[in-house]
Structures are given as structure tokens and as C-alpha cells.
Amino acid sequence: MPDPDLRSRIKEMLVKNLMLQVTAEQITDDLPLFGPNGLGLDSIDALELAVSMEKTFGVGVPNSEVAGRALRTVNTIHDYILENRGEMTQTGQKVDNPA
């Protein structure tokens, strides 16, 4: 069963763990996380984000190439988490997604 609040949880993680000066409600799903036209995160923030994702969602980011694709926006993080953690059942047990 997909997690309907996953994007909200990602935004809360960003605000809390990166100590952002914005609220989760101010972060749109497609707002760039890095660069001057978005949240303005830097490479240190990227490392913190990768660690936070592993702690919060059980999904690691193995290298900078993957990080460059997965950590662009809330939407890309959302999709990366779903692709890499498998769906969670009601009991919290991980199940493989049939492909």
C-alpha cells in the first residue's frame, strides 16, 4: 500500500534535519533543492540529506551519481524511496514489488 503522506514526511525531514528556515508547507513538490532558484542546499546538506533518508526511510544513497538524480526535488526523493524500499505492508513488513 503506497504511503499517501510520504511527500509530507520528506518535507518534514528536510526542515527538521537540515534546520531549514522555511516550513514544510512552503516547500513545493517540484522546488529544486539545490541552487539559487530553490532551497539553496549545498554539498554538506546533500550528505546530511542522504544520512537522514537512510535513518528515516531505510533507503541509502550509494554514490554522488545516484544522489545527483535522486536528490533534486521532493518528487525525485519520493520516487527514489518508493523504488528502493519496496512497498510496506500494514504490518510494516517489507514486500518485494513484482516487476
C-alpha atoms as a PDB file:
ATOM      1  CA  MET A   1       0.000   0.000   0.000  1.00  0.00           C
ATOM      2  CA  PRO A   2       1.562   3.331  -1.013  1.00  0.00           C
ATOM      3  CA  ASP A   3       2.214   5.894   1.698  1.00  0.00           C
ATOM      4  CA  PRO A   4      -0.062   8.871   0.895  1.00  0.00           C
ATOM      5  CA  ASP A   5       1.849  11.151   3.241  1.00  0.00           C
ATOM      6  CA  LEU A   6       5.352  10.286   2.022  1.00  0.00           C
ATOM      7  CA  ARG A   7       5.902  13.685   0.383  1.00  0.00           C
ATOM      8  CA  SER A   8       4.834  15.424   3.606  1.00  0.00           C
ATOM      9  CA  ARG A   9       7.185  13.227   5.625  1.00  0.00           C
ATOM     10  CA  ILE A  10      10.035  14.063   3.226  1.00  0.00           C
ATOM     11  CA  LYS A  11       9.366  17.790   3.633  1.00  0.00           C
ATOM     12  CA  GLU A  12       9.264  17.474   7.429  1.00  0.00           C
ATOM     13  CA  MET A  13      12.568  15.552   7.335  1.00  0.00           C
ATOM     14  CA  LEU A  14      14.147  18.293   5.203  1.00  0.00           C
ATOM     15  CA  VAL A  15      13.052  21.082   7.537  1.00  0.00           C
ATOM     16  CA  LYS A  16      13.941  19.261  10.747  1.00  0.00           C
ATOM     17  CA  ASN A  17      17.218  17.569   9.833  1.00  0.00           C
ATOM     18  CA  LEU A  18      18.660  20.353   7.683  1.00  0.00           C
ATOM     19  CA  MET A  19      17.395  23.094  10.027  1.00  0.00           C
ATOM     20  CA  LEU A  20      15.838  24.995   7.141  1.00  0.00           C
ATOM     21  CA  GLN A  21      14.442  28.476   7.660  1.00  0.00           C
ATOM     22  CA  VAL A  22      11.215  27.556   5.854  1.00  0.00           C
ATOM     23  CA  THR A  23       8.238  25.433   6.818  1.00  0.00           C
ATOM     24  CA  ALA A  24       7.348  22.130   5.211  1.00  0.00           C
ATOM     25  CA  GLU A  25       4.272  23.807   3.730  1.00  0.00           C
ATOM     26  CA  GLN A  26       6.490  26.293   1.864  1.00  0.00           C
ATOM     27  CA  ILE A  27       8.359  23.510   0.045  1.00  0.00           C
ATOM     28  CA  THR A  28       6.592  22.556  -3.167  1.00  0.00           C
ATOM     29  CA  ASP A  29       6.970  19.064  -4.581  1.00  0.00           C
ATOM     30  CA  ASP A  30       8.971  20.257  -7.585  1.00  0.00           C
ATOM     31  CA  LEU A  31      11.048  23.021  -5.936  1.00  0.00           C
ATOM     32  CA  PRO A  32      14.762  22.473  -6.710  1.00  0.00           C
ATOM     33  CA  LEU A  33      16.590  21.599  -3.501  1.00  0.00           C
ATOM     34  CA  PHE A  34      19.980  22.802  -4.750  1.00  0.00           C
ATOM     35  CA  GLY A  35      20.967  26.023  -6.461  1.00  0.00           C
ATOM     36  CA  PRO A  36      19.907  29.653  -6.222  1.00  0.00           C
ATOM     37  CA  ASN A  37      16.419  29.113  -7.669  1.00  0.00           C
ATOM     38  CA  GLY A  38      15.409  26.640  -4.987  1.00  0.00           C
ATOM     39  CA  LEU A  39      16.209  25.932  -1.354  1.00  0.00           C
ATOM     40  CA  GLY A  40      19.900  26.618  -1.955  1.00  0.00           C
ATOM     41  CA  LEU A  41      21.192  23.416  -0.374  1.00  0.00           C
ATOM     42  CA  ASP A  42      24.909  22.611  -0.744  1.00  0.00           C
ATOM     43  CA  SER A  43      27.106  19.510  -0.702  1.00  0.00           C
ATOM     44  CA  ILE A  44      27.130  19.321   3.109  1.00  0.00           C
ATOM     45  CA  ASP A  45      23.338  19.412   3.055  1.00  0.00           C
ATOM     46  CA  ALA A  46      23.355  16.614   0.458  1.00  0.00           C
ATOM     47  CA  LEU A  47      25.365  14.429   2.829  1.00  0.00           C
ATOM     48  CA  GLU A  48      23.023  15.230   5.717  1.00  0.00           C
ATOM     49  CA  LEU A  49      20.041  14.507   3.481  1.00  0.00           C
ATOM     50  CA  ALA A  50      21.430  11.119   2.450  1.00  0.00           C
ATOM     51  CA  VAL A  51      22.023  10.162   6.104  1.00  0.00           C
ATOM     52  CA  SER A  52      18.544  11.395   7.082  1.00  0.00           C
ATOM     53  CA  MET A  53      16.922   9.386   4.294  1.00  0.00           C
ATOM     54  CA  GLU A  54      18.627   6.217   5.477  1.00  0.00           C
ATOM     55  CA  LYS A  55      17.619   6.795   9.107  1.00  0.00           C
ATOM     56  CA  THR A  56      14.070   7.909   8.347  1.00  0.00           C
ATOM     57  CA  PHE A  57      13.095   5.753   5.381  1.00  0.00           C
ATOM     58  CA  GLY A  58      15.683   2.947   5.363  1.00  0.00           C
ATOM     59  CA  VAL A  59      16.928   3.928   1.901  1.00  0.00           C
ATOM     60  CA  GLY A  60      20.570   4.769   1.308  1.00  0.00           C
ATOM     61  CA  VAL A  61      22.166   6.793  -1.466  1.00  0.00           C
ATOM     62  CA  PRO A  62      25.208   4.801  -2.630  1.00  0.00           C
ATOM     63  CA  ASN A  63      27.158   7.472  -4.534  1.00  0.00           C
ATOM     64  CA  SER A  64      27.163  11.019  -5.883  1.00  0.00           C
ATOM     65  CA  GLU A  65      25.841   9.967  -9.293  1.00  0.00           C
ATOM     66  CA  VAL A  66      22.716   8.485  -7.723  1.00  0.00           C
ATOM     67  CA  ALA A  67      22.445  11.474  -5.374  1.00  0.00           C
ATOM     68  CA  GLY A  68      22.530  13.843  -8.346  1.00  0.00           C
ATOM     69  CA  ARG A  69      19.477  12.145  -9.814  1.00  0.00           C
ATOM     70  CA  ALA A  70      17.551  11.297  -6.657  1.00  0.00           C
ATOM     71  CA  LEU A  71      18.003  14.415  -4.539  1.00  0.00           C
ATOM     72  CA  ARG A  72      16.771  17.098  -6.950  1.00  0.00           C
ATOM     73  CA  THR A  73      13.253  17.732  -5.608  1.00  0.00           C
ATOM     74  CA  VAL A  74      10.754  16.274  -3.159  1.00  0.00           C
ATOM     75  CA  ASN A  75       9.241  14.399  -6.114  1.00  0.00           C
ATOM     76  CA  THR A  76      12.560  12.777  -7.099  1.00  0.00           C
ATOM     77  CA  ILE A  77      13.243  11.794  -3.473  1.00  0.00           C
ATOM     78  CA  HIS A  78       9.715  10.365  -3.231  1.00  0.00           C
ATOM     79  CA  ASP A  79      10.174   8.265  -6.371  1.00  0.00           C
ATOM     80  CA  TYR A  80      13.645   7.108  -5.291  1.00  0.00           C
ATOM     81  CA  ILE A  81      12.365   5.976  -1.881  1.00  0.00           C
ATOM     82  CA  LEU A  82       9.465   4.051  -3.419  1.00  0.00           C
ATOM     83  CA  GLU A  83      11.721   2.393  -5.989  1.00  0.00           C
ATOM     84  CA  ASN A  84      14.297   1.334  -3.428  1.00  0.00           C
ATOM     85  CA  ARG A  85      12.473   0.397  -0.256  1.00  0.00           C
ATOM     86  CA  GLY A  86       9.672  -1.734  -1.658  1.00  0.00           C
ATOM     87  CA  GLU A  87       6.126  -1.285  -0.532  1.00  0.00           C
ATOM     88  CA  MET A  88       5.431  -1.636   3.169  1.00  0.00           C
ATOM     89  CA  THR A  89       2.517  -3.760   4.266  1.00  0.00           C
ATOM     90  CA  GLN A  90       0.123  -2.757   7.021  1.00  0.00           C
ATOM     91  CA  THR A  91       2.264  -4.727   9.484  1.00  0.00           C
ATOM     92  CA  GLY A  92       5.429  -2.886   8.471  1.00  0.00           C
ATOM     93  CA  GLN A  93       6.894  -5.916   6.725  1.00  0.00           C
ATOM     94  CA  LYS A  94       8.836  -5.220   3.548  1.00  0.00           C
ATOM     95  CA  VAL A  95       7.470  -6.888   0.426  1.00  0.00           C
ATOM     96  CA  ASP A  96       9.132  -7.099  -2.942  1.00  0.00           C
ATOM     97  CA  ASN A  97       7.419  -5.219  -5.736  1.00  0.00           C
ATOM     98  CA  PRO A  98       6.619  -7.569  -8.615  1.00  0.00           C
ATOM     99  CA  ALA A  99       8.111  -6.176 -11.810  1.00  0.00           C
END
